[in-house]
Structures are given as structure tokens and as C-alpha cells.
Amino acid sequence: MGHLSKSAKEVRGRHQLTVRVKTSKYRDKSSNKWLARQLNDPYVAESKRLGYRSRAAFKLIQLDEKYKFLGKGKRIVDLGCAPGGWTQVAVQRNKGAGIVVGIDLLETLPVAGATLIQQDFTEDGAAEKLKGILNGKADIVMSDMAANTTGHQQTDHLRTIGLVEIAYEFAKEVLAENGIFIAKVFKGGTEAQLLADIKKHFRKVSHCKPDASRAGSPEEYLVAEGFRGETDEVS
């Protein structure tokens, strides 16, 4: 797998020839638009060059560039890991040490250095499987999970927040003290009550939209740093 020569933030600004998509009777206008966007997306091109499975890898790379949480020997849980881009980055930055375990409802092709489970994380027993593989506390719980979109922004937001809540409860169970929790949320941020509870258990909580997130996408990421630990008093 290749390596970035510069910051991932600079990828978007790289010049490349514009690819024009010819119309086809087998594609409708929306398909043509999607194909043109893919062919002209610098993150898609760079992910292929570096061997990442999706452009989403750059979202994690950019979050790490800002918050500096990945590194050698980390114990990492990747929720919603398919197709494996975040898992690849986590393994790469673990430098041959630590543990990376991922889970997704969809099949994810094996990633050397990681243990992957195909199962719905919300199902009974899924969390216990992850804990068994970890066999200890985690340094990072990261979730790129999102509910299937309906096209109704408020509905999509609430469904995704439901997944964030489940991921957060899991994170509280497995994170080591000073651990970090990262989760995708949609426009509208994190529900006030949930956000208040997260702030009780972490020393710093913020929201970030990586440059690799498409401009028109409503997604951003909740980043909760410095888990206080199960035995700490929170107020």
C-alpha cells in the first residue's frame, strides 16, 4: 500500500484533467452525474493510487491529522467497517502492532492485520463478539455507520443518531481511560441529551467535517476525546 507524500488535505487541490462522461442509453441522468463525479473526484483517484478501498479512507486520515489519535500499537474497533477503507488506515498506522477489529452487516474482504465480523452490530451478541476479540480495553472506538437514507433529512438524521447512541453505549463499556470515540452524524449535529451525556464522560467533544466529505453531504463527525473511565466521578 502506498503512502501520502503530503497532507491529505492537499489532495482536493491537485490538478487533474477533467473527464467528460458520454451519454448512454443504458444510464439515466443521475447515473451520468454520479459517474462524472467519481471520475473527476481527486479522492477517488488518490484512493486507487494508494490502494485504499474507498475515498472514505481520507476522512479518517484527515480526522487523524487534526486530532492525532492513531499510532503504533492501538487497540481499535471499527463499527460499520465495509468496504474496509478505515480498517486499512487503522492497520497501516498501527505499524504491525495492536489490534484492529471491525464489524459490518455487509461482507468486507479480509484486511491483513485485522479481524472482521460480518454481522449487524445492533443484533444481540455482536458486541460480545467484539469484546471477546479485543480481550481487553480499546483505545479507539470509531463508527462510520449510517442508516440507509430515505431522502428525508430529519428522518435520516434521527435514524443515524440511533446508531450513534448504540455505538456510544458500546464505547463506554470497552474504552480505556483517555480513549477516543468517533462517530458519523448527519446535519443537525448530535441530539442535545446525548451530547450532554457524552460531554460528561469525555474531556473534550467537538464536531468536524473532513475536507474529504463531499461538499453537498450532510455528514460530519463527532469526536469525543479523553474518556474519563468507568470509575471516574462525572458531573
C-alpha atoms as a PDB file:
ATOM      1  CA  MET A   1       0.000   0.000   0.000  1.00  0.00           C
ATOM      2  CA  GLY A   2       1.292   3.433  -0.927  1.00  0.00           C
ATOM      3  CA  HIS A   3       1.872   6.414   1.320  1.00  0.00           C
ATOM      4  CA  LEU A   4       0.789  10.019   1.183  1.00  0.00           C
ATOM      5  CA  SER A   5       3.632  12.323   0.239  1.00  0.00           C
ATOM      6  CA  LYS A   6       1.851  15.328   1.751  1.00  0.00           C
ATOM      7  CA  SER A   7      -1.117  16.097   3.959  1.00  0.00           C
ATOM      8  CA  ALA A   8      -4.381  14.527   2.835  1.00  0.00           C
ATOM      9  CA  LYS A   9      -5.901  17.996   2.976  1.00  0.00           C
ATOM     10  CA  GLU A  10      -3.966  18.884  -0.158  1.00  0.00           C
ATOM     11  CA  VAL A  11      -5.487  16.129  -2.281  1.00  0.00           C
ATOM     12  CA  ARG A  12      -8.564  18.119  -3.297  1.00  0.00           C
ATOM     13  CA  GLY A  13      -6.436  20.906  -4.763  1.00  0.00           C
ATOM     14  CA  ARG A  14      -4.409  18.689  -7.059  1.00  0.00           C
ATOM     15  CA  HIS A  15      -4.891  19.400 -10.734  1.00  0.00           C
ATOM     16  CA  GLN A  16      -6.175  16.652 -12.960  1.00  0.00           C
ATOM     17  CA  LEU A  17      -7.681  16.573 -16.415  1.00  0.00           C
ATOM     18  CA  THR A  18     -11.467  16.722 -16.425  1.00  0.00           C
ATOM     19  CA  VAL A  19     -13.071  13.515 -17.643  1.00  0.00           C
ATOM     20  CA  ARG A  20     -16.211  14.042 -19.676  1.00  0.00           C
ATOM     21  CA  VAL A  21     -18.809  11.283 -19.494  1.00  0.00           C
ATOM     22  CA  LYS A  22     -20.541  10.377 -22.726  1.00  0.00           C
ATOM     23  CA  THR A  23     -24.259   9.863 -22.559  1.00  0.00           C
ATOM     24  CA  SER A  24     -25.558   6.330 -22.819  1.00  0.00           C
ATOM     25  CA  LYS A  25     -28.990   4.862 -23.361  1.00  0.00           C
ATOM     26  CA  TYR A  26     -28.200   2.460 -20.543  1.00  0.00           C
ATOM     27  CA  ARG A  27     -27.673   5.243 -17.952  1.00  0.00           C
ATOM     28  CA  ASP A  28     -30.097   7.893 -16.761  1.00  0.00           C
ATOM     29  CA  LYS A  29     -29.062  11.482 -15.954  1.00  0.00           C
ATOM     30  CA  SER A  30     -28.455  10.776 -12.272  1.00  0.00           C
ATOM     31  CA  SER A  31     -26.186   7.847 -13.136  1.00  0.00           C
ATOM     32  CA  ASN A  32     -24.230  10.011 -15.560  1.00  0.00           C
ATOM     33  CA  LYS A  33     -23.853  12.680 -12.894  1.00  0.00           C
ATOM     34  CA  TRP A  34     -22.621  10.139 -10.326  1.00  0.00           C
ATOM     35  CA  LEU A  35     -20.146   8.639 -12.801  1.00  0.00           C
ATOM     36  CA  ALA A  36     -18.786  12.064 -13.753  1.00  0.00           C
ATOM     37  CA  ARG A  37     -18.349  12.944 -10.086  1.00  0.00           C
ATOM     38  CA  GLN A  38     -16.493   9.704  -9.406  1.00  0.00           C
ATOM     39  CA  LEU A  39     -14.194  10.058 -12.407  1.00  0.00           C
ATOM     40  CA  ASN A  40     -13.325  13.649 -11.511  1.00  0.00           C
ATOM     41  CA  ASP A  41     -13.013  13.205  -7.750  1.00  0.00           C
ATOM     42  CA  PRO A  42      -9.365  13.578  -6.661  1.00  0.00           C
ATOM     43  CA  TYR A  43     -10.006  11.480  -3.546  1.00  0.00           C
ATOM     44  CA  VAL A  44     -11.268   8.594  -5.652  1.00  0.00           C
ATOM     45  CA  ALA A  45      -8.152   8.810  -7.823  1.00  0.00           C
ATOM     46  CA  GLU A  46      -5.835   9.053  -4.816  1.00  0.00           C
ATOM     47  CA  SER A  47      -7.508   6.150  -3.022  1.00  0.00           C
ATOM     48  CA  LYS A  48      -6.899   3.978  -6.074  1.00  0.00           C
ATOM     49  CA  ARG A  49      -3.278   5.122  -6.274  1.00  0.00           C
ATOM     50  CA  LEU A  50      -2.649   4.290  -2.632  1.00  0.00           C
ATOM     51  CA  GLY A  51      -4.616   1.046  -2.621  1.00  0.00           C
ATOM     52  CA  TYR A  52      -7.448   2.126  -0.316  1.00  0.00           C
ATOM     53  CA  ARG A  53     -10.813   0.516  -0.908  1.00  0.00           C
ATOM     54  CA  SER A  54     -12.757   3.753  -0.807  1.00  0.00           C
ATOM     55  CA  ARG A  55     -12.327   7.511  -0.715  1.00  0.00           C
ATOM     56  CA  ALA A  56     -13.708   7.332   2.859  1.00  0.00           C
ATOM     57  CA  ALA A  57     -10.205   6.367   3.986  1.00  0.00           C
ATOM     58  CA  PHE A  58      -9.254  10.017   3.579  1.00  0.00           C
ATOM     59  CA  LYS A  59     -11.934  11.090   6.030  1.00  0.00           C
ATOM     60  CA  LEU A  60     -10.218   9.059   8.744  1.00  0.00           C
ATOM     61  CA  ILE A  61      -6.758  10.207   7.644  1.00  0.00           C
ATOM     62  CA  GLN A  62      -7.861  13.837   7.867  1.00  0.00           C
ATOM     63  CA  LEU A  63      -9.506  13.315  11.251  1.00  0.00           C
ATOM     64  CA  ASP A  64      -6.230  11.795  12.451  1.00  0.00           C
ATOM     65  CA  GLU A  65      -4.239  14.695  11.018  1.00  0.00           C
ATOM     66  CA  LYS A  66      -6.346  17.046  13.118  1.00  0.00           C
ATOM     67  CA  TYR A  67      -6.801  15.064  16.337  1.00  0.00           C
ATOM     68  CA  LYS A  68      -3.743  12.747  16.233  1.00  0.00           C
ATOM     69  CA  PHE A  69      -5.266   9.616  17.757  1.00  0.00           C
ATOM     70  CA  LEU A  70      -3.923   6.802  15.545  1.00  0.00           C
ATOM     71  CA  GLY A  71      -0.481   5.333  16.066  1.00  0.00           C
ATOM     72  CA  LYS A  72       1.558   2.233  16.701  1.00  0.00           C
ATOM     73  CA  GLY A  73       0.015  -0.467  18.869  1.00  0.00           C
ATOM     74  CA  LYS A  74      -3.511   0.922  19.248  1.00  0.00           C
ATOM     75  CA  ARG A  75      -6.475  -1.291  20.084  1.00  0.00           C
ATOM     76  CA  ILE A  76      -9.192  -0.189  17.663  1.00  0.00           C
ATOM     77  CA  VAL A  77     -12.820  -1.106  16.995  1.00  0.00           C
ATOM     78  CA  ASP A  78     -14.227  -0.131  13.586  1.00  0.00           C
ATOM     79  CA  LEU A  79     -18.033  -0.145  13.552  1.00  0.00           C
ATOM     80  CA  GLY A  80     -19.577  -0.174  10.090  1.00  0.00           C
ATOM     81  CA  CYS A  81     -16.250  -1.139   8.548  1.00  0.00           C
ATOM     82  CA  ALA A  82     -17.296  -2.102   4.974  1.00  0.00           C
ATOM     83  CA  PRO A  83     -15.752  -1.840   2.455  1.00  0.00           C
ATOM     84  CA  GLY A  84     -12.665  -1.593   4.678  1.00  0.00           C
ATOM     85  CA  GLY A  85     -11.057   1.781   3.987  1.00  0.00           C
ATOM     86  CA  TRP A  86     -10.993   2.886   7.617  1.00  0.00           C
ATOM     87  CA  THR A  87      -9.765  -0.556   8.676  1.00  0.00           C
ATOM     88  CA  GLN A  88      -6.883  -0.319   6.179  1.00  0.00           C
ATOM     89  CA  VAL A  89      -5.808   3.052   7.577  1.00  0.00           C
ATOM     90  CA  ALA A  90      -6.043   1.815  11.169  1.00  0.00           C
ATOM     91  CA  VAL A  91      -3.907  -1.259  10.429  1.00  0.00           C
ATOM     92  CA  GLN A  92      -1.399   0.773   8.448  1.00  0.00           C
ATOM     93  CA  ARG A  93      -0.898   3.251  11.281  1.00  0.00           C
ATOM     94  CA  ASN A  94      -0.713   0.502  13.895  1.00  0.00           C
ATOM     95  CA  LYS A  95       2.623  -0.434  12.282  1.00  0.00           C
ATOM     96  CA  GLY A  96       2.322  -4.161  12.871  1.00  0.00           C
ATOM     97  CA  ALA A  97       1.212  -3.948  16.490  1.00  0.00           C
ATOM     98  CA  GLY A  98      -2.041  -3.569  18.406  1.00  0.00           C
ATOM     99  CA  ILE A  99      -5.466  -4.943  17.477  1.00  0.00           C
ATOM    100  CA  VAL A 100      -7.976  -3.848  14.854  1.00  0.00           C
ATOM    101  CA  VAL A 101     -11.410  -5.456  14.828  1.00  0.00           C
ATOM    102  CA  GLY A 102     -14.228  -4.419  12.519  1.00  0.00           C
ATOM    103  CA  ILE A 103     -17.863  -5.310  12.063  1.00  0.00           C
ATOM    104  CA  ASP A 104     -20.420  -4.643   9.342  1.00  0.00           C
ATOM    105  CA  LEU A 105     -23.708  -6.013   8.123  1.00  0.00           C
ATOM    106  CA  LEU A 106     -22.147  -6.219   4.655  1.00  0.00           C
ATOM    107  CA  GLU A 107     -19.344  -8.566   3.725  1.00  0.00           C
ATOM    108  CA  THR A 108     -15.904  -6.973   3.929  1.00  0.00           C
ATOM    109  CA  LEU A 109     -12.996  -8.554   2.114  1.00  0.00           C
ATOM    110  CA  PRO A 110     -10.198  -9.564   4.512  1.00  0.00           C
ATOM    111  CA  VAL A 111      -7.719  -6.900   5.592  1.00  0.00           C
ATOM    112  CA  ALA A 112      -4.343  -8.253   6.656  1.00  0.00           C
ATOM    113  CA  GLY A 113      -3.754  -7.343  10.303  1.00  0.00           C
ATOM    114  CA  ALA A 114      -7.446  -7.000  11.193  1.00  0.00           C
ATOM    115  CA  THR A 115     -10.211  -9.311  12.377  1.00  0.00           C
ATOM    116  CA  LEU A 116     -13.505  -8.682  10.598  1.00  0.00           C
ATOM    117  CA  ILE A 117     -17.016  -9.844  11.511  1.00  0.00           C
ATOM    118  CA  GLN A 118     -19.996  -9.852   9.163  1.00  0.00           C
ATOM    119  CA  GLN A 119     -22.966  -9.158  11.399  1.00  0.00           C
ATOM    120  CA  ASP A 120     -25.442  -6.410  12.212  1.00  0.00           C
ATOM    121  CA  PHE A 121     -23.853  -4.551  15.132  1.00  0.00           C
ATOM    122  CA  THR A 122     -27.297  -3.889  16.615  1.00  0.00           C
ATOM    123  CA  GLU A 123     -28.032  -7.629  16.904  1.00  0.00           C
ATOM    124  CA  ASP A 124     -27.762  -9.438  20.228  1.00  0.00           C
ATOM    125  CA  GLY A 125     -24.340 -10.954  20.706  1.00  0.00           C
ATOM    126  CA  ALA A 126     -22.480  -8.712  18.257  1.00  0.00           C
ATOM    127  CA  ALA A 127     -20.963  -6.512  20.946  1.00  0.00           C
ATOM    128  CA  GLU A 128     -19.875  -9.566  22.920  1.00  0.00           C
ATOM    129  CA  LYS A 129     -18.055 -10.957  19.878  1.00  0.00           C
ATOM    130  CA  LEU A 130     -16.104  -7.723  19.550  1.00  0.00           C
ATOM    131  CA  LYS A 131     -15.251  -7.729  23.260  1.00  0.00           C
ATOM    132  CA  GLY A 132     -14.046 -11.310  23.011  1.00  0.00           C
ATOM    133  CA  ILE A 133     -11.638 -10.463  20.205  1.00  0.00           C
ATOM    134  CA  LEU A 134     -10.416  -7.336  21.985  1.00  0.00           C
ATOM    135  CA  ASN A 135      -9.822  -9.309  25.178  1.00  0.00           C
ATOM    136  CA  GLY A 136      -9.279  -6.039  26.999  1.00  0.00           C
ATOM    137  CA  LYS A 137      -9.912  -2.326  26.683  1.00  0.00           C
ATOM    138  CA  ALA A 138      -9.904  -0.354  23.439  1.00  0.00           C
ATOM    139  CA  ASP A 139      -8.036   2.872  22.730  1.00  0.00           C
ATOM    140  CA  ILE A 140     -10.375   3.919  19.920  1.00  0.00           C
ATOM    141  CA  VAL A 141     -13.962   3.133  19.008  1.00  0.00           C
ATOM    142  CA  MET A 142     -14.810   4.613  15.624  1.00  0.00           C
ATOM    143  CA  SER A 143     -18.109   4.379  13.813  1.00  0.00           C
ATOM    144  CA  ASP A 144     -18.804   5.246  10.199  1.00  0.00           C
ATOM    145  CA  MET A 145     -22.231   3.632  10.499  1.00  0.00           C
ATOM    146  CA  ALA A 146     -25.207   5.395   8.954  1.00  0.00           C
ATOM    147  CA  ALA A 147     -28.756   4.242   8.384  1.00  0.00           C
ATOM    148  CA  ASN A 148     -29.901   3.788   4.811  1.00  0.00           C
ATOM    149  CA  THR A 149     -31.055   7.185   3.633  1.00  0.00           C
ATOM    150  CA  THR A 150     -34.694   7.880   2.856  1.00  0.00           C
ATOM    151  CA  GLY A 151     -34.194  11.296   1.294  1.00  0.00           C
ATOM    152  CA  HIS A 152     -35.971  12.936   4.230  1.00  0.00           C
ATOM    153  CA  GLN A 153     -33.264  14.808   6.115  1.00  0.00           C
ATOM    154  CA  GLN A 154     -34.841  14.750   9.573  1.00  0.00           C
ATOM    155  CA  THR A 155     -35.698  11.049   9.330  1.00  0.00           C
ATOM    156  CA  ASP A 156     -32.176  10.170   8.150  1.00  0.00           C
ATOM    157  CA  HIS A 157     -30.694  12.247  10.960  1.00  0.00           C
ATOM    158  CA  LEU A 158     -32.769  10.544  13.663  1.00  0.00           C
ATOM    159  CA  ARG A 159     -32.068   7.042  12.332  1.00  0.00           C
ATOM    160  CA  THR A 160     -28.342   7.707  12.251  1.00  0.00           C
ATOM    161  CA  ILE A 161     -28.412   9.224  15.753  1.00  0.00           C
ATOM    162  CA  GLY A 162     -29.960   5.953  16.908  1.00  0.00           C
ATOM    163  CA  LEU A 163     -26.866   4.134  15.638  1.00  0.00           C
ATOM    164  CA  VAL A 164     -24.619   6.717  17.326  1.00  0.00           C
ATOM    165  CA  GLU A 165     -26.351   6.053  20.642  1.00  0.00           C
ATOM    166  CA  ILE A 166     -25.753   2.306  20.327  1.00  0.00           C
ATOM    167  CA  ALA A 167     -22.117   2.859  19.364  1.00  0.00           C
ATOM    168  CA  TYR A 168     -21.648   5.260  22.267  1.00  0.00           C
ATOM    169  CA  GLU A 169     -23.027   2.812  24.821  1.00  0.00           C
ATOM    170  CA  PHE A 170     -20.616   0.204  23.485  1.00  0.00           C
ATOM    171  CA  ALA A 171     -17.730   2.683  23.619  1.00  0.00           C
ATOM    172  CA  LYS A 172     -18.390   3.403  27.295  1.00  0.00           C
ATOM    173  CA  GLU A 173     -18.133  -0.309  28.013  1.00  0.00           C
ATOM    174  CA  VAL A 174     -14.876  -1.003  26.185  1.00  0.00           C
ATOM    175  CA  LEU A 175     -12.815   2.190  26.087  1.00  0.00           C
ATOM    176  CA  ALA A 176      -9.742   2.551  28.232  1.00  0.00           C
ATOM    177  CA  GLU A 177      -9.237   5.766  30.177  1.00  0.00           C
ATOM    178  CA  ASN A 178      -8.291   8.628  27.815  1.00  0.00           C
ATOM    179  CA  GLY A 179      -9.733   6.676  24.872  1.00  0.00           C
ATOM    180  CA  ILE A 180     -11.424   8.344  21.915  1.00  0.00           C
ATOM    181  CA  PHE A 181     -14.856   7.847  20.352  1.00  0.00           C
ATOM    182  CA  ILE A 182     -15.601   8.951  16.784  1.00  0.00           C
ATOM    183  CA  ALA A 183     -18.982   8.658  15.093  1.00  0.00           C
ATOM    184  CA  LYS A 184     -20.656   9.856  11.921  1.00  0.00           C
ATOM    185  CA  VAL A 185     -23.654  12.122  12.390  1.00  0.00           C
ATOM    186  CA  PHE A 186     -25.791  13.917   9.840  1.00  0.00           C
ATOM    187  CA  LYS A 187     -26.579  17.603   9.551  1.00  0.00           C
ATOM    188  CA  GLY A 188     -28.353  18.693  12.699  1.00  0.00           C
ATOM    189  CA  GLY A 189     -25.442  17.557  14.853  1.00  0.00           C
ATOM    190  CA  THR A 190     -25.873  15.309  17.867  1.00  0.00           C
ATOM    191  CA  GLU A 191     -29.102  15.303  19.873  1.00  0.00           C
ATOM    192  CA  ALA A 192     -28.803  17.632  22.881  1.00  0.00           C
ATOM    193  CA  GLN A 193     -29.408  14.997  25.561  1.00  0.00           C
ATOM    194  CA  LEU A 194     -26.967  12.539  24.003  1.00  0.00           C
ATOM    195  CA  LEU A 195     -24.352  15.244  23.506  1.00  0.00           C
ATOM    196  CA  ALA A 196     -24.691  16.326  27.138  1.00  0.00           C
ATOM    197  CA  ASP A 197     -24.087  12.750  28.303  1.00  0.00           C
ATOM    198  CA  ILE A 198     -21.068  12.350  26.033  1.00  0.00           C
ATOM    199  CA  LYS A 199     -19.585  15.562  27.449  1.00  0.00           C
ATOM    200  CA  LYS A 200     -19.921  14.110  30.943  1.00  0.00           C
ATOM    201  CA  HIS A 201     -17.808  11.110  30.030  1.00  0.00           C
ATOM    202  CA  PHE A 202     -15.192  12.723  27.791  1.00  0.00           C
ATOM    203  CA  ARG A 203     -12.894  15.649  28.477  1.00  0.00           C
ATOM    204  CA  LYS A 204     -13.348  17.270  25.060  1.00  0.00           C
ATOM    205  CA  VAL A 205     -16.123  16.887  22.485  1.00  0.00           C
ATOM    206  CA  SER A 206     -16.278  18.524  19.069  1.00  0.00           C
ATOM    207  CA  HIS A 207     -17.712  18.123  15.574  1.00  0.00           C
ATOM    208  CA  CYS A 208     -15.658  18.048  12.395  1.00  0.00           C
ATOM    209  CA  LYS A 209     -16.413  17.796   8.676  1.00  0.00           C
ATOM    210  CA  PRO A 210     -13.283  16.453   6.929  1.00  0.00           C
ATOM    211  CA  ASP A 211     -12.364  18.004   3.615  1.00  0.00           C
ATOM    212  CA  ALA A 212     -12.835  14.549   2.055  1.00  0.00           C
ATOM    213  CA  SER A 213     -16.547  14.657   2.887  1.00  0.00           C
ATOM    214  CA  ARG A 214     -18.364  15.774  -0.227  1.00  0.00           C
ATOM    215  CA  ALA A 215     -19.438  19.409  -0.138  1.00  0.00           C
ATOM    216  CA  GLY A 216     -23.104  18.523  -0.585  1.00  0.00           C
ATOM    217  CA  SER A 217     -23.098  15.754   2.019  1.00  0.00           C
ATOM    218  CA  PRO A 218     -24.842  16.437   5.350  1.00  0.00           C
ATOM    219  CA  GLU A 219     -22.386  14.242   7.229  1.00  0.00           C
ATOM    220  CA  GLU A 220     -19.926  15.342   9.883  1.00  0.00           C
ATOM    221  CA  TYR A 221     -18.123  13.512  12.671  1.00  0.00           C
ATOM    222  CA  LEU A 222     -18.496  13.664  16.419  1.00  0.00           C
ATOM    223  CA  VAL A 223     -15.063  13.432  18.041  1.00  0.00           C
ATOM    224  CA  ALA A 224     -15.015  12.723  21.785  1.00  0.00           C
ATOM    225  CA  GLU A 225     -11.527  12.754  23.310  1.00  0.00           C
ATOM    226  CA  GLY A 226     -10.236  11.747  26.735  1.00  0.00           C
ATOM    227  CA  PHE A 227     -12.641   9.128  28.072  1.00  0.00           C
ATOM    228  CA  ARG A 228     -12.850   9.640  31.808  1.00  0.00           C
ATOM    229  CA  GLY A 229     -13.064   5.934  32.613  1.00  0.00           C
ATOM    230  CA  GLU A 230     -15.774   3.900  34.284  1.00  0.00           C
ATOM    231  CA  THR A 231     -14.630   4.637  37.818  1.00  0.00           C
ATOM    232  CA  ASP A 232     -14.304   8.409  37.430  1.00  0.00           C
ATOM    233  CA  GLU A 233     -16.890  10.659  39.020  1.00  0.00           C
ATOM    234  CA  VAL A 234     -18.711  12.673  36.366  1.00  0.00           C
ATOM    235  CA  SER A 235     -20.846  15.704  36.986  1.00  0.00           C
END
